[in-house]
PDB file of N, CA and C in Angstrom:
ATOM      1  N   UNK A   1      30.308 -18.951  -7.164  1.00  0.00           N
ATOM      2  CA  UNK A   1      29.751 -19.834  -6.169  1.00  0.00           C
ATOM      3  C   UNK A   1      29.316 -19.053  -4.932  1.00  0.00           C
ATOM      4  N   UNK A   2      30.125 -18.059  -4.564  1.00  0.00           N
ATOM      5  CA  UNK A   2      29.773 -17.250  -3.402  1.00  0.00           C
ATOM      6  C   UNK A   2      28.470 -16.493  -3.634  1.00  0.00           C
ATOM      7  N   UNK A   3      28.272 -16.034  -4.865  1.00  0.00           N
ATOM      8  CA  UNK A   3      27.061 -15.283  -5.181  1.00  0.00           C
ATOM      9  C   UNK A   3      25.824 -16.163  -5.058  1.00  0.00           C
ATOM     10  N   UNK A   4      25.935 -17.417  -5.454  1.00  0.00           N
ATOM     11  CA  UNK A   4      24.795 -18.331  -5.358  1.00  0.00           C
ATOM     12  C   UNK A   4      24.443 -18.589  -3.900  1.00  0.00           C
ATOM     13  N   UNK A   5      25.440 -18.845  -3.084  1.00  0.00           N
ATOM     14  CA  UNK A   5      25.203 -19.097  -1.664  1.00  0.00           C
ATOM     15  C   UNK A   5      24.620 -17.861  -0.995  1.00  0.00           C
ATOM     16  N   UNK A   6      25.182 -16.702  -1.285  1.00  0.00           N
ATOM     17  CA  UNK A   6      24.667 -15.464  -0.710  1.00  0.00           C
ATOM     18  C   UNK A   6      23.238 -15.208  -1.162  1.00  0.00           C
ATOM     19  N   UNK A   7      22.941 -15.487  -2.418  1.00  0.00           N
ATOM     20  CA  UNK A   7      21.586 -15.323  -2.923  1.00  0.00           C
ATOM     21  C   UNK A   7      20.597 -16.221  -2.203  1.00  0.00           C
ATOM     22  N   UNK A   8      20.987 -17.469  -1.970  1.00  0.00           N
ATOM     23  CA  UNK A   8      20.116 -18.401  -1.248  1.00  0.00           C
ATOM     24  C   UNK A   8      19.882 -17.933   0.179  1.00  0.00           C
ATOM     25  N   UNK A   9      20.921 -17.437   0.829  1.00  0.00           N
ATOM     26  CA  UNK A   9      20.778 -16.933   2.198  1.00  0.00           C
ATOM     27  C   UNK A   9      19.844 -15.720   2.238  1.00  0.00           C
ATOM     28  N   UNK A  10      19.998 -14.814   1.311  1.00  0.00           N
ATOM     29  CA  UNK A  10      19.155 -13.620   1.286  1.00  0.00           C
ATOM     30  C   UNK A  10      17.698 -13.992   1.000  1.00  0.00           C
ATOM     31  N   UNK A  11      17.479 -14.944   0.108  1.00  0.00           N
ATOM     32  CA  UNK A  11      16.115 -15.398  -0.158  1.00  0.00           C
ATOM     33  C   UNK A  11      15.512 -16.034   1.093  1.00  0.00           C
ATOM     34  N   UNK A  12      16.294 -16.835   1.809  1.00  0.00           N
ATOM     35  CA  UNK A  12      15.800 -17.474   3.032  1.00  0.00           C
ATOM     36  C   UNK A  12      15.425 -16.429   4.079  1.00  0.00           C
ATOM     37  N   UNK A  13      16.248 -15.403   4.247  1.00  0.00           N
ATOM     38  CA  UNK A  13      15.939 -14.340   5.212  1.00  0.00           C
ATOM     39  C   UNK A  13      14.687 -13.585   4.785  1.00  0.00           C
ATOM     40  N   UNK A  14      14.554 -13.333   3.479  1.00  0.00           N
ATOM     41  CA  UNK A  14      13.369 -12.634   2.987  1.00  0.00           C
ATOM     42  C   UNK A  14      12.109 -13.452   3.243  1.00  0.00           C
ATOM     43  N   UNK A  15      12.177 -14.753   3.027  1.00  0.00           N
ATOM     44  CA  UNK A  15      11.022 -15.613   3.284  1.00  0.00           C
ATOM     45  C   UNK A  15      10.693 -15.625   4.774  1.00  0.00           C
ATOM     46  N   UNK A  16      11.719 -15.659   5.621  1.00  0.00           N
ATOM     47  CA  UNK A  16      11.476 -15.642   7.069  1.00  0.00           C
ATOM     48  C   UNK A  16      10.807 -14.346   7.525  1.00  0.00           C
ATOM     49  N   UNK A  17      11.098 -13.247   6.858  1.00  0.00           N
ATOM     50  CA  UNK A  17      10.460 -11.993   7.241  1.00  0.00           C
ATOM     51  C   UNK A  17       9.018 -11.924   6.771  1.00  0.00           C
ATOM     52  N   UNK A  18       8.690 -12.655   5.715  1.00  0.00           N
ATOM     53  CA  UNK A  18       7.345 -12.575   5.145  1.00  0.00           C
ATOM     54  C   UNK A  18       6.364 -13.502   5.856  1.00  0.00           C
ATOM     55  N   UNK A  19       6.800 -14.705   6.234  1.00  0.00           N
ATOM     56  CA  UNK A  19       5.860 -15.641   6.838  1.00  0.00           C
ATOM     57  C   UNK A  19       5.425 -15.125   8.210  1.00  0.00           C
ATOM     58  N   UNK A  20       4.162 -15.340   8.558  1.00  0.00           N
ATOM     59  CA  UNK A  20       3.631 -14.777   9.807  1.00  0.00           C
ATOM     60  C   UNK A  20       4.354 -15.241  11.067  1.00  0.00           C
ATOM     61  N   UNK A  21       4.926 -16.444  11.085  1.00  0.00           N
ATOM     62  CA  UNK A  21       5.559 -16.948  12.301  1.00  0.00           C
ATOM     63  C   UNK A  21       7.076 -16.861  12.252  1.00  0.00           C
ATOM     64  N   UNK A  22       7.620 -16.128  11.287  1.00  0.00           N
ATOM     65  CA  UNK A  22       9.075 -15.975  11.174  1.00  0.00           C
ATOM     66  C   UNK A  22       9.568 -14.909  12.137  1.00  0.00           C
ATOM     67  N   UNK A  23       9.997 -13.785  11.604  1.00  0.00           N
ATOM     68  CA  UNK A  23      10.500 -12.693  12.428  1.00  0.00           C
ATOM     69  C   UNK A  23       9.397 -11.761  12.900  1.00  0.00           C
ATOM     70  N   UNK A  24       8.169 -12.028  12.474  1.00  0.00           N
ATOM     71  CA  UNK A  24       7.046 -11.213  12.923  1.00  0.00           C
ATOM     72  C   UNK A  24       6.888  -9.909  12.153  1.00  0.00           C
ATOM     73  N   UNK A  25       7.433  -9.832  10.966  1.00  0.00           N
ATOM     74  CA  UNK A  25       7.345  -8.603  10.171  1.00  0.00           C
ATOM     75  C   UNK A  25       6.232  -8.673   9.134  1.00  0.00           C
ATOM     76  N   UNK A  26       5.347  -9.633   9.268  1.00  0.00           N
ATOM     77  CA  UNK A  26       4.309  -9.869   8.269  1.00  0.00           C
ATOM     78  C   UNK A  26       3.475  -8.618   8.004  1.00  0.00           C
ATOM     79  N   UNK A  27       2.992  -7.978   9.051  1.00  0.00           N
ATOM     80  CA  UNK A  27       2.152  -6.784   8.882  1.00  0.00           C
ATOM     81  C   UNK A  27       2.928  -5.620   8.271  1.00  0.00           C
ATOM     82  N   UNK A  28       4.192  -5.472   8.650  1.00  0.00           N
ATOM     83  CA  UNK A  28       5.002  -4.402   8.090  1.00  0.00           C
ATOM     84  C   UNK A  28       5.275  -4.636   6.600  1.00  0.00           C
ATOM     85  N   UNK A  29       5.518  -5.895   6.240  1.00  0.00           N
ATOM     86  CA  UNK A  29       5.757  -6.221   4.836  1.00  0.00           C
ATOM     87  C   UNK A  29       4.499  -5.927   4.024  1.00  0.00           C
ATOM     88  N   UNK A  30       3.338  -6.295   4.558  1.00  0.00           N
ATOM     89  CA  UNK A  30       2.088  -5.994   3.862  1.00  0.00           C
ATOM     90  C   UNK A  30       1.877  -4.493   3.709  1.00  0.00           C
ATOM     91  N   UNK A  31       2.230  -3.715   4.732  1.00  0.00           N
ATOM     92  CA  UNK A  31       2.084  -2.266   4.660  1.00  0.00           C
ATOM     93  C   UNK A  31       2.978  -1.687   3.559  1.00  0.00           C
ATOM     94  N   UNK A  32       4.199  -2.171   3.473  1.00  0.00           N
ATOM     95  CA  UNK A  32       5.122  -1.701   2.436  1.00  0.00           C
ATOM     96  C   UNK A  32       4.605  -2.081   1.050  1.00  0.00           C
ATOM     97  N   UNK A  33       4.102  -3.310   0.916  1.00  0.00           N
ATOM     98  CA  UNK A  33       3.565  -3.738  -0.377  1.00  0.00           C
ATOM     99  C   UNK A  33       2.362  -2.905  -0.782  1.00  0.00           C
ATOM    100  N   UNK A  34       1.495  -2.592   0.176  1.00  0.00           N
ATOM    101  CA  UNK A  34       0.326  -1.765  -0.134  1.00  0.00           C
ATOM    102  C   UNK A  34       0.745  -0.368  -0.590  1.00  0.00           C
ATOM    103  N   UNK A  35       1.810   0.142  -0.022  1.00  0.00           N
ATOM    104  CA  UNK A  35       2.289   1.457  -0.433  1.00  0.00           C
ATOM    105  C   UNK A  35       3.075   1.430  -1.730  1.00  0.00           C
ATOM    106  N   UNK A  36       3.746   0.318  -1.978  1.00  0.00           N
ATOM    107  CA  UNK A  36       4.614   0.233  -3.153  1.00  0.00           C
ATOM    108  C   UNK A  36       3.852  -0.125  -4.426  1.00  0.00           C
ATOM    109  N   UNK A  37       2.736  -0.825  -4.298  1.00  0.00           N
ATOM    110  CA  UNK A  37       2.024  -1.268  -5.500  1.00  0.00           C
ATOM    111  C   UNK A  37       1.552  -0.117  -6.378  1.00  0.00           C
ATOM    112  N   UNK A  38       0.947   0.945  -5.844  1.00  0.00           N
ATOM    113  CA  UNK A  38       0.565   2.045  -6.735  1.00  0.00           C
ATOM    114  C   UNK A  38       1.769   2.718  -7.404  1.00  0.00           C
ATOM    115  N   UNK A  39       2.852   2.872  -6.670  1.00  0.00           N
ATOM    116  CA  UNK A  39       4.057   3.460  -7.259  1.00  0.00           C
ATOM    117  C   UNK A  39       4.638   2.555  -8.336  1.00  0.00           C
ATOM    118  N   UNK A  40       4.669   1.261  -8.063  1.00  0.00           N
ATOM    119  CA  UNK A  40       5.171   0.314  -9.037  1.00  0.00           C
ATOM    120  C   UNK A  40       4.283   0.285 -10.273  1.00  0.00           C
ATOM    121  N   UNK A  41       2.982   0.343 -10.073  1.00  0.00           N
ATOM    122  CA  UNK A  41       2.063   0.382 -11.204  1.00  0.00           C
ATOM    123  C   UNK A  41       2.271   1.615 -12.063  1.00  0.00           C
ATOM    124  N   UNK A  42       2.471   2.764 -11.432  1.00  0.00           N
ATOM    125  CA  UNK A  42       2.742   3.985 -12.184  1.00  0.00           C
ATOM    126  C   UNK A  42       4.044   3.907 -12.956  1.00  0.00           C
ATOM    127  N   UNK A  43       5.069   3.347 -12.336  1.00  0.00           N
ATOM    128  CA  UNK A  43       6.363   3.195 -13.002  1.00  0.00           C
ATOM    129  C   UNK A  43       6.254   2.254 -14.202  1.00  0.00           C
ATOM    130  N   UNK A  44       5.546   1.154 -14.025  1.00  0.00           N
ATOM    131  CA  UNK A  44       5.349   0.219 -15.137  1.00  0.00           C
ATOM    132  C   UNK A  44       4.567   0.895 -16.255  1.00  0.00           C
ATOM    133  N   UNK A  45       3.562   1.698 -15.898  1.00  0.00           N
ATOM    134  CA  UNK A  45       2.793   2.418 -16.906  1.00  0.00           C
ATOM    135  C   UNK A  45       3.650   3.387 -17.706  1.00  0.00           C
ATOM    136  N   UNK A  46       4.538   4.094 -17.037  1.00  0.00           N
ATOM    137  CA  UNK A  46       5.430   5.032 -17.729  1.00  0.00           C
ATOM    138  C   UNK A  46       6.374   4.279 -18.664  1.00  0.00           C
ATOM    139  N   UNK A  47       6.918   3.167 -18.191  1.00  0.00           N
ATOM    140  CA  UNK A  47       7.818   2.375 -19.025  1.00  0.00           C
ATOM    141  C   UNK A  47       7.081   1.851 -20.261  1.00  0.00           C
ATOM    142  N   UNK A  48       5.851   1.362 -20.070  1.00  0.00           N
ATOM    143  CA  UNK A  48       5.076   0.867 -21.210  1.00  0.00           C
ATOM    144  C   UNK A  48       4.727   1.984 -22.177  1.00  0.00           C
ATOM    145  N   UNK A  49       4.460   3.175 -21.662  1.00  0.00           N
ATOM    146  CA  UNK A  49       4.170   4.322 -22.519  1.00  0.00           C
ATOM    147  C   UNK A  49       5.376   4.652 -23.398  1.00  0.00           C
ATOM    148  N   UNK A  50       6.558   4.711 -22.799  1.00  0.00           N
ATOM    149  CA  UNK A  50       7.768   4.988 -23.571  1.00  0.00           C
ATOM    150  C   UNK A  50       8.051   3.879 -24.579  1.00  0.00           C
ATOM    151  N   UNK A  51       7.813   2.627 -24.195  1.00  0.00           N
ATOM    152  CA  UNK A  51       8.029   1.515 -25.122  1.00  0.00           C
ATOM    153  C   UNK A  51       7.069   1.604 -26.298  1.00  0.00           C
ATOM    154  N   UNK A  52       5.832   1.966 -26.035  1.00  0.00           N
ATOM    155  CA  UNK A  52       4.853   2.113 -27.111  1.00  0.00           C
ATOM    156  C   UNK A  52       5.206   3.238 -28.061  1.00  0.00           C
ATOM    157  N   UNK A  53       5.638   4.371 -27.517  1.00  0.00           N
ATOM    158  CA  UNK A  53       6.038   5.502 -28.359  1.00  0.00           C
ATOM    159  C   UNK A  53       7.248   5.122 -29.207  1.00  0.00           C
ATOM    160  N   UNK A  54       8.203   4.443 -28.610  1.00  0.00           N
ATOM    161  CA  UNK A  54       9.387   4.003 -29.351  1.00  0.00           C
ATOM    162  C   UNK A  54       9.003   3.040 -30.468  1.00  0.00           C
ATOM    163  N   UNK A  55       8.070   2.146 -30.204  1.00  0.00           N
ATOM    164  CA  UNK A  55       7.618   1.201 -31.216  1.00  0.00           C
ATOM    165  C   UNK A  55       6.935   1.924 -32.375  1.00  0.00           C
ATOM    166  N   UNK A  56       6.116   2.912 -32.065  1.00  0.00           N
ATOM    167  CA  UNK A  56       5.461   3.688 -33.118  1.00  0.00           C
ATOM    168  C   UNK A  56       6.473   4.438 -33.975  1.00  0.00           C
ATOM    169  N   UNK A  57       7.486   5.031 -33.323  1.00  0.00           N
ATOM    170  CA  UNK A  57       8.528   5.733 -34.072  1.00  0.00           C
ATOM    171  C   UNK A  57       9.299   4.774 -34.970  1.00  0.00           C
ATOM    172  N   UNK A  58       9.597   3.582 -34.450  1.00  0.00           N
ATOM    173  CA  UNK A  58      10.342   2.607 -35.235  1.00  0.00           C
ATOM    174  C   UNK A  58       9.533   2.147 -36.442  1.00  0.00           C
ATOM    175  N   UNK A  59       8.242   1.913 -36.250  1.00  0.00           N
ATOM    176  CA  UNK A  59       7.395   1.509 -37.367  1.00  0.00           C
ATOM    177  C   UNK A  59       7.305   2.611 -38.411  1.00  0.00           C
ATOM    178  N   UNK A  60       7.258   3.870 -37.974  1.00  0.00           N
ATOM    179  CA  UNK A  60       7.218   4.987 -38.914  1.00  0.00           C
ATOM    180  C   UNK A  60       8.519   5.076 -39.699  1.00  0.00           C
ATOM    181  N   UNK A  61       9.651   4.838 -39.035  1.00  0.00           N
ATOM    182  CA  UNK A  61      10.945   4.868 -39.729  1.00  0.00           C
ATOM    183  C   UNK A  61      11.046   3.747 -40.756  1.00  0.00           C
ATOM    184  N   UNK A  62      10.574   2.562 -40.411  1.00  0.00           N
ATOM    185  CA  UNK A  62      10.612   1.441 -41.344  1.00  0.00           C
ATOM    186  C   UNK A  62       9.730   1.740 -42.549  1.00  0.00           C
ATOM    187  N   UNK A  63       8.570   2.335 -42.311  1.00  0.00           N
ATOM    188  CA  UNK A  63       7.662   2.674 -43.401  1.00  0.00           C
ATOM    189  C   UNK A  63       8.297   3.717 -44.316  1.00  0.00           C
ATOM    190  N   UNK A  64       8.998   4.713 -43.749  1.00  0.00           N
ATOM    191  CA  UNK A  64       9.674   5.732 -44.556  1.00  0.00           C
ATOM    192  C   UNK A  64      10.765   5.097 -45.413  1.00  0.00           C
ATOM    193  N   UNK A  65      11.521   4.166 -44.830  1.00  0.00           N
ATOM    194  CA  UNK A  65      12.586   3.495 -45.586  1.00  0.00           C
ATOM    195  C   UNK A  65      12.016   2.675 -46.731  1.00  0.00           C
ATOM    196  N   UNK A  66      10.893   1.999 -46.517  1.00  0.00           N
ATOM    197  CA  UNK A  66      10.288   1.210 -47.600  1.00  0.00           C
ATOM    198  C   UNK A  66       9.773   2.122 -48.708  1.00  0.00           C
ATOM    199  N   UNK A  67       9.218   3.270 -48.340  1.00  0.00           N
ATOM    200  CA  UNK A  67       8.727   4.200 -49.337  1.00  0.00           C
ATOM    201  C   UNK A  67       9.859   4.861 -50.113  1.00  0.00           C
ATOM    202  N   UNK A  68      11.009   5.022 -49.476  1.00  0.00           N
ATOM    203  CA  UNK A  68      12.145   5.658 -50.126  1.00  0.00           C
ATOM    204  C   UNK A  68      12.769   4.749 -51.190  1.00  0.00           C
ATOM    205  N   UNK A  69      12.623   3.445 -51.008  1.00  0.00           N
ATOM    206  CA  UNK A  69      13.244   2.492 -51.946  1.00  0.00           C
ATOM    207  C   UNK A  69      12.476   2.371 -53.180  1.00  0.00           C
TER     208      UNK A  69
END
């Protein structure tokens, strides 16, 4: 129960920092998002690359097992 209440409070504070008339951090939040998006995109790309390679390896292993039988 404490975690739910704390989560709601943290979400409320985060929303107050984002809205233009809240704590006035709107421009700073936008600056951080502009800087974080390319890094986040690169990280997502790396994760997808590893997932794709893993999927290809798994399909190759399944094909080898079917051929062995």
